[in-house]
Amino acid sequence: MEDVQVSIDRIVVDFTDVLWDFFNRFHLTLRTHFNASLRLQEKGFKYHLHVRDGSHYLHVSYQLTFVPKSRKNLLRIECHPDSLVHFKSGLLPLKKTCREVLFVRCDVAFDIPLPITELFTLSLTGRNMHTWKGTRYSNQKHQRQVAGYCRVYDKKLERAEKQGKKISGELTRFEIVYAPKEKIPLHVLVQYPPSFNKYYLCSRLGSLEKLKLKLLERVIGMMNGELEQRQVTGYYRREIEKEMRTRPTLDFDNVAAEQWENAIAIPCAILVGAVSKVPVA
């Protein structure tokens, strides 16, 4: 599958050992400039600050509720890479005050220059693929932050409806959550591109004329949303996978590896100012 472009969407980064005195000044500055409010929660992180400025957003969390009280705590930010550029001046001091900057997770987007109606998607790990309002999902909404969660949707239509932007040609986005088992120091993230081939199969459908009737019925049902993947027996899922692997298929791992450095360039440049390609001993 050719001309697939890789980018990252929502990214989550942790700053360790951030002093309370720093956080106090930090959130007051953000609240003053962007009219944001500070919220307290009893689970997860104690302090939450959601900042929005036009189309840009920044969510800040501080101090895990289950750890002993301390002057130094974990601070987490979540935003789109473009918003990192927008809030750059406010974020730069974080690098100087923390001990480490760690990558937690992000959404990796594969933009495919084909209509979604020509792409067949299959979960390879037992996740249930289903369709809701034209978007294909794996598992449920509350699992949005789980490694491997995905959604596949018509990016051309989404841009037209939400942003009023028209683009030439077709565009489908296959978006997958990359959440490594252990947090990765941000400056060496370039050495750890995501691996998704084990999770999903994405093939160009092409002609269906040669498919046997029962196989054809299930493929069409999964494509139009009438069938969820869990409603197709293991036998037919294996037969469908075998058939779809004979067609042009997206190699998630190779495509991601080739474009990973460019995809993470903005977060690395703004938050740590460096990218290390030297393997950690």
Protein backbone atom coordinates (compact mmCIF):
# COMPACT_ATOMS: atom_id res chain seq x y z
CA MET A 1 0.00 0.00 0.00
CA GLU A 2 1.65 3.24 -1.18
CA ASP A 3 1.82 6.92 -0.18
CA VAL A 4 0.70 6.35 3.42
CA GLN A 5 1.65 9.25 5.70
CA VAL A 6 2.35 8.82 9.43
CA SER A 7 1.82 11.47 12.10
CA ILE A 8 1.00 11.60 15.79
CA ASP A 9 -2.12 13.13 17.22
CA ARG A 10 -2.81 13.33 20.95
CA ILE A 11 0.42 12.86 22.94
CA VAL A 12 0.86 12.32 26.70
CA VAL A 13 4.15 13.17 28.44
CA ASP A 14 5.22 12.96 32.10
CA PHE A 15 7.61 15.30 33.92
CA THR A 16 8.98 13.70 37.08
CA ASP A 17 9.87 15.39 40.39
CA VAL A 18 8.22 18.74 39.69
CA LEU A 19 8.20 20.95 42.78
CA TRP A 20 4.87 22.16 44.18
CA ASP A 21 6.21 25.72 44.22
CA PHE A 22 6.84 25.52 40.48
CA PHE A 23 3.43 23.98 39.76
CA ASN A 24 1.74 26.69 41.82
CA ARG A 25 3.30 29.43 39.68
CA PHE A 26 2.79 27.41 36.49
CA HIS A 27 -0.95 26.88 36.87
CA LEU A 28 -1.52 30.46 38.07
CA THR A 29 0.16 31.76 34.92
CA LEU A 30 -1.96 29.53 32.67
CA ARG A 31 -5.15 30.46 34.49
CA THR A 32 -4.37 34.16 34.22
CA HIS A 33 -3.56 34.11 30.52
CA PHE A 34 -6.19 31.66 29.32
CA ASN A 35 -8.99 31.97 31.86
CA ALA A 36 -8.70 28.28 32.76
CA SER A 37 -9.96 26.77 36.02
CA LEU A 38 -8.23 24.32 38.35
CA ARG A 39 -10.19 21.17 39.28
CA LEU A 40 -9.55 18.67 42.06
CA GLN A 41 -10.28 14.95 41.78
CA GLU A 42 -10.11 12.09 44.27
CA LYS A 43 -8.77 9.47 41.84
CA GLY A 44 -5.82 9.46 39.46
CA PHE A 45 -4.22 12.89 39.51
CA LYS A 46 -5.37 15.33 42.17
CA TYR A 47 -5.05 18.60 40.23
CA HIS A 48 -6.36 19.14 36.69
CA LEU A 49 -6.14 22.18 34.47
CA HIS A 50 -7.63 22.24 30.96
CA VAL A 51 -6.47 25.14 28.83
CA ARG A 52 -8.05 26.04 25.49
CA ASP A 53 -7.01 28.84 23.16
CA GLY A 54 -8.87 28.78 19.87
CA SER A 55 -8.30 25.39 18.25
CA HIS A 56 -5.42 24.57 20.61
CA TYR A 57 -5.69 22.78 23.94
CA LEU A 58 -3.46 21.66 26.79
CA HIS A 59 -4.48 19.40 29.65
CA VAL A 60 -2.24 19.50 32.74
CA SER A 61 -2.43 16.99 35.61
CA TYR A 62 -0.36 17.06 38.79
CA GLN A 63 0.25 14.90 41.88
CA LEU A 64 -1.04 11.34 41.90
CA THR A 65 -3.59 10.84 44.66
CA PHE A 66 -2.26 7.46 45.85
CA VAL A 67 1.36 8.50 46.55
CA PRO A 68 2.63 9.92 49.88
CA LYS A 69 2.51 13.68 50.24
CA SER A 70 5.68 15.29 48.86
CA ARG A 71 7.11 18.59 47.68
CA LYS A 72 8.02 16.90 44.38
CA ASN A 73 5.35 15.23 42.24
CA LEU A 74 4.56 13.94 38.79
CA LEU A 75 3.21 16.45 36.26
CA ARG A 76 1.54 15.20 33.08
CA ILE A 77 0.58 17.10 29.95
CA GLU A 78 -1.71 15.95 27.14
CA CYS A 79 -2.24 17.77 23.85
CA HIS A 80 -1.82 17.71 20.07
CA PRO A 81 1.75 18.33 18.82
CA ASP A 82 0.57 21.54 17.12
CA SER A 83 -0.60 22.77 20.52
CA LEU A 84 2.89 22.16 21.90
CA VAL A 85 4.11 24.77 19.43
CA HIS A 86 1.31 27.13 20.45
CA PHE A 87 2.05 26.82 24.19
CA LYS A 88 5.82 26.50 23.74
CA SER A 89 6.86 29.50 25.82
CA GLY A 90 4.82 28.31 28.81
CA LEU A 91 6.14 24.75 28.59
CA LEU A 92 9.86 25.45 28.22
CA PRO A 93 10.49 25.96 31.99
CA LEU A 94 9.24 22.43 32.68
CA LYS A 95 12.33 20.90 31.12
CA LYS A 96 14.59 22.82 33.54
CA THR A 97 12.70 21.96 36.71
CA CYS A 98 11.94 18.24 36.28
CA ARG A 99 14.20 15.22 36.66
CA GLU A 100 13.02 13.30 33.56
CA VAL A 101 10.71 13.80 30.59
CA LEU A 102 8.95 10.51 29.78
CA PHE A 103 6.76 9.47 26.87
CA VAL A 104 3.54 7.81 28.07
CA ARG A 105 1.41 7.32 24.95
CA CYS A 106 0.14 8.90 21.75
CA ASP A 107 -2.25 8.29 18.90
CA VAL A 108 -0.38 7.24 15.77
CA ALA A 109 -2.25 8.17 12.59
CA PHE A 110 -1.81 6.42 9.25
CA ASP A 111 -3.33 8.56 6.48
CA ILE A 112 -4.21 6.34 3.52
CA PRO A 113 -5.07 7.96 0.16
CA LEU A 114 -8.04 5.66 -0.42
CA PRO A 115 -11.75 5.83 0.46
CA ILE A 116 -12.76 3.89 3.56
CA THR A 117 -15.12 1.82 1.39
CA GLU A 118 -12.07 0.26 -0.29
CA LEU A 119 -10.32 -0.74 2.93
CA PHE A 120 -11.00 -3.91 4.88
CA THR A 121 -9.85 -3.92 8.51
CA LEU A 122 -9.54 -6.87 10.85
CA SER A 123 -8.43 -7.21 14.47
CA LEU A 124 -5.88 -10.00 14.97
CA THR A 125 -5.90 -10.10 18.78
CA GLY A 126 -9.49 -10.73 19.76
CA ARG A 127 -10.51 -7.08 19.90
CA ASN A 128 -13.99 -6.59 18.56
CA MET A 129 -14.12 -4.36 15.48
CA HIS A 130 -17.46 -2.61 15.09
CA THR A 131 -18.86 0.38 13.19
CA TRP A 132 -20.65 3.39 14.63
CA LYS A 133 -21.81 6.28 12.44
CA GLY A 134 -19.34 5.37 9.71
CA THR A 135 -16.30 5.02 12.00
CA ARG A 136 -14.80 1.63 12.77
CA TYR A 137 -13.65 1.07 16.35
CA SER A 138 -11.88 -1.62 18.32
CA ASN A 139 -13.37 -2.27 21.77
CA GLN A 140 -15.28 0.35 23.75
CA LYS A 141 -14.96 4.09 24.34
CA HIS A 142 -13.84 3.66 27.98
CA GLN A 143 -10.79 1.79 26.64
CA ARG A 144 -9.71 4.84 24.66
CA GLN A 145 -6.31 5.00 26.39
CA VAL A 146 -5.49 1.29 26.15
CA ALA A 147 -2.58 0.22 23.93
CA GLY A 148 -3.84 -0.87 20.53
CA TYR A 149 -7.22 0.88 20.69
CA CYS A 150 -8.04 2.04 17.18
CA ARG A 151 -10.52 3.91 15.07
CA VAL A 152 -10.75 4.08 11.28
CA TYR A 153 -12.65 6.92 9.64
CA ASP A 154 -13.13 9.06 6.54
CA LYS A 155 -10.63 11.87 7.16
CA LYS A 156 -11.74 13.81 4.10
CA LEU A 157 -15.33 13.91 5.37
CA GLU A 158 -14.21 14.75 8.92
CA ARG A 159 -12.19 17.74 7.73
CA ALA A 160 -15.10 19.01 5.67
CA GLU A 161 -17.65 18.67 8.49
CA LYS A 162 -15.58 19.84 11.46
CA GLN A 163 -13.07 22.21 9.91
CA GLY A 164 -14.78 23.30 6.71
CA LYS A 165 -11.71 22.22 4.74
CA LYS A 166 -11.94 20.52 1.37
CA ILE A 167 -9.11 18.30 0.19
CA SER A 168 -8.61 16.74 -3.22
CA GLY A 169 -8.54 12.99 -3.53
CA GLU A 170 -9.61 10.42 -0.95
CA LEU A 171 -8.24 10.07 2.58
CA THR A 172 -8.87 7.48 5.29
CA ARG A 173 -7.24 7.69 8.72
CA PHE A 174 -6.32 4.55 10.67
CA GLU A 175 -5.51 5.77 14.18
CA ILE A 176 -3.97 3.49 16.84
CA VAL A 177 -2.95 4.14 20.44
CA TYR A 178 0.76 3.58 21.06
CA ALA A 179 1.29 2.99 24.78
CA PRO A 180 4.50 1.07 25.61
CA LYS A 181 4.53 -1.14 28.71
CA GLU A 182 7.17 1.10 30.27
CA LYS A 183 7.52 4.85 29.86
CA ILE A 184 10.29 5.88 27.46
CA PRO A 185 12.64 8.86 28.00
CA LEU A 186 11.44 11.31 25.36
CA HIS A 187 14.89 12.04 23.96
CA VAL A 188 15.36 8.37 22.92
CA LEU A 189 11.80 7.83 21.65
CA VAL A 190 13.15 7.82 18.08
CA GLN A 191 14.64 4.39 18.85
CA TYR A 192 11.23 2.92 19.70
CA PRO A 193 8.83 3.14 16.74
CA PRO A 194 5.47 1.47 17.33
CA SER A 195 4.66 -2.06 16.21
CA PHE A 196 1.07 -2.62 15.09
CA ASN A 197 1.18 -5.49 12.57
CA LYS A 198 0.43 -7.87 15.43
CA TYR A 199 -2.78 -5.97 16.21
CA TYR A 200 -4.47 -5.28 12.87
CA LEU A 201 -4.75 -6.15 9.21
CA CYS A 202 -5.66 -3.42 6.74
CA SER A 203 -6.03 -4.45 3.09
CA ARG A 204 -7.30 -2.87 -0.09
CA LEU A 205 -10.51 -4.68 -0.88
CA GLY A 206 -10.41 -4.77 -4.67
CA SER A 207 -12.68 -7.19 -6.52
CA LEU A 208 -14.91 -9.51 -4.47
CA GLU A 209 -16.19 -11.55 -7.40
CA LYS A 210 -14.09 -14.62 -6.64
CA LEU A 211 -15.12 -14.88 -2.97
CA LYS A 212 -17.33 -17.77 -1.98
CA LEU A 213 -20.86 -16.71 -1.11
CA LYS A 214 -20.67 -17.26 2.68
CA LEU A 215 -17.32 -15.50 2.87
CA LEU A 216 -18.62 -12.64 0.72
CA GLU A 217 -21.67 -12.17 2.95
CA ARG A 218 -19.49 -11.81 6.04
CA VAL A 219 -16.99 -9.46 4.40
CA ILE A 220 -19.79 -7.18 3.16
CA GLY A 221 -21.52 -7.33 6.55
CA MET A 222 -18.34 -6.27 8.36
CA MET A 223 -17.67 -3.53 5.81
CA ASN A 224 -21.11 -1.92 6.06
CA GLY A 225 -21.37 -2.29 9.84
CA GLU A 226 -24.15 -4.87 9.89
CA LEU A 227 -21.79 -7.41 11.45
CA GLU A 228 -19.38 -6.90 14.35
CA GLN A 229 -16.21 -8.96 14.20
CA ARG A 230 -17.23 -11.01 17.25
CA GLN A 231 -20.31 -12.15 15.32
CA VAL A 232 -18.10 -13.90 12.76
CA THR A 233 -16.82 -17.32 13.80
CA GLY A 234 -13.12 -18.04 14.18
CA TYR A 235 -13.16 -20.24 11.09
CA TYR A 236 -14.49 -17.48 8.85
CA ARG A 237 -12.19 -14.88 10.41
CA ARG A 238 -9.20 -17.06 9.54
CA GLU A 239 -10.51 -17.59 6.01
CA ILE A 240 -11.09 -13.86 5.57
CA GLU A 241 -7.60 -13.04 6.85
CA LYS A 242 -6.07 -15.58 4.47
CA GLU A 243 -7.95 -14.05 1.54
CA MET A 244 -7.17 -10.44 2.48
CA ARG A 245 -3.45 -11.12 2.78
CA THR A 246 -3.41 -11.89 -0.95
CA ARG A 247 -4.35 -8.24 -1.59
CA PRO A 248 -2.34 -5.00 -1.12
CA THR A 249 -1.83 -4.69 2.64
CA LEU A 250 -0.59 -1.89 4.86
CA ASP A 251 2.65 -2.80 6.64
CA PHE A 252 2.13 -0.69 9.77
CA ASP A 253 5.55 -1.51 11.26
CA ASN A 254 7.72 -0.60 8.26
CA VAL A 255 5.77 2.53 7.37
CA ALA A 256 5.87 3.75 10.98
CA ALA A 257 9.60 3.01 11.33
CA GLU A 258 10.43 4.93 8.13
CA GLN A 259 8.56 8.06 9.25
CA TRP A 260 8.88 7.86 13.04
CA GLU A 261 11.66 10.44 13.44
CA ASN A 262 9.71 13.09 11.54
CA ALA A 263 6.50 12.23 13.39
CA ILE A 264 8.02 12.85 16.83
CA ALA A 265 10.27 15.77 15.87
CA ILE A 266 8.05 18.52 17.32
CA PRO A 267 7.51 17.02 20.82
CA CYS A 268 11.19 16.12 21.13
CA ALA A 269 12.38 19.54 19.95
CA ILE A 270 10.07 21.52 22.23
CA LEU A 271 10.08 19.42 25.40
CA VAL A 272 13.65 18.10 25.54
CA GLY A 273 15.48 19.88 22.71
CA ALA A 274 17.25 16.72 21.58
CA VAL A 275 16.87 13.38 19.82
CA SER A 276 19.30 10.56 20.60
CA LYS A 277 19.75 7.77 18.05
CA VAL A 278 22.42 6.03 20.14
CA PRO A 279 21.00 2.86 21.73
CA VAL A 280 20.88 2.92 25.52
CA ALA A 281 23.48 0.54 27.01
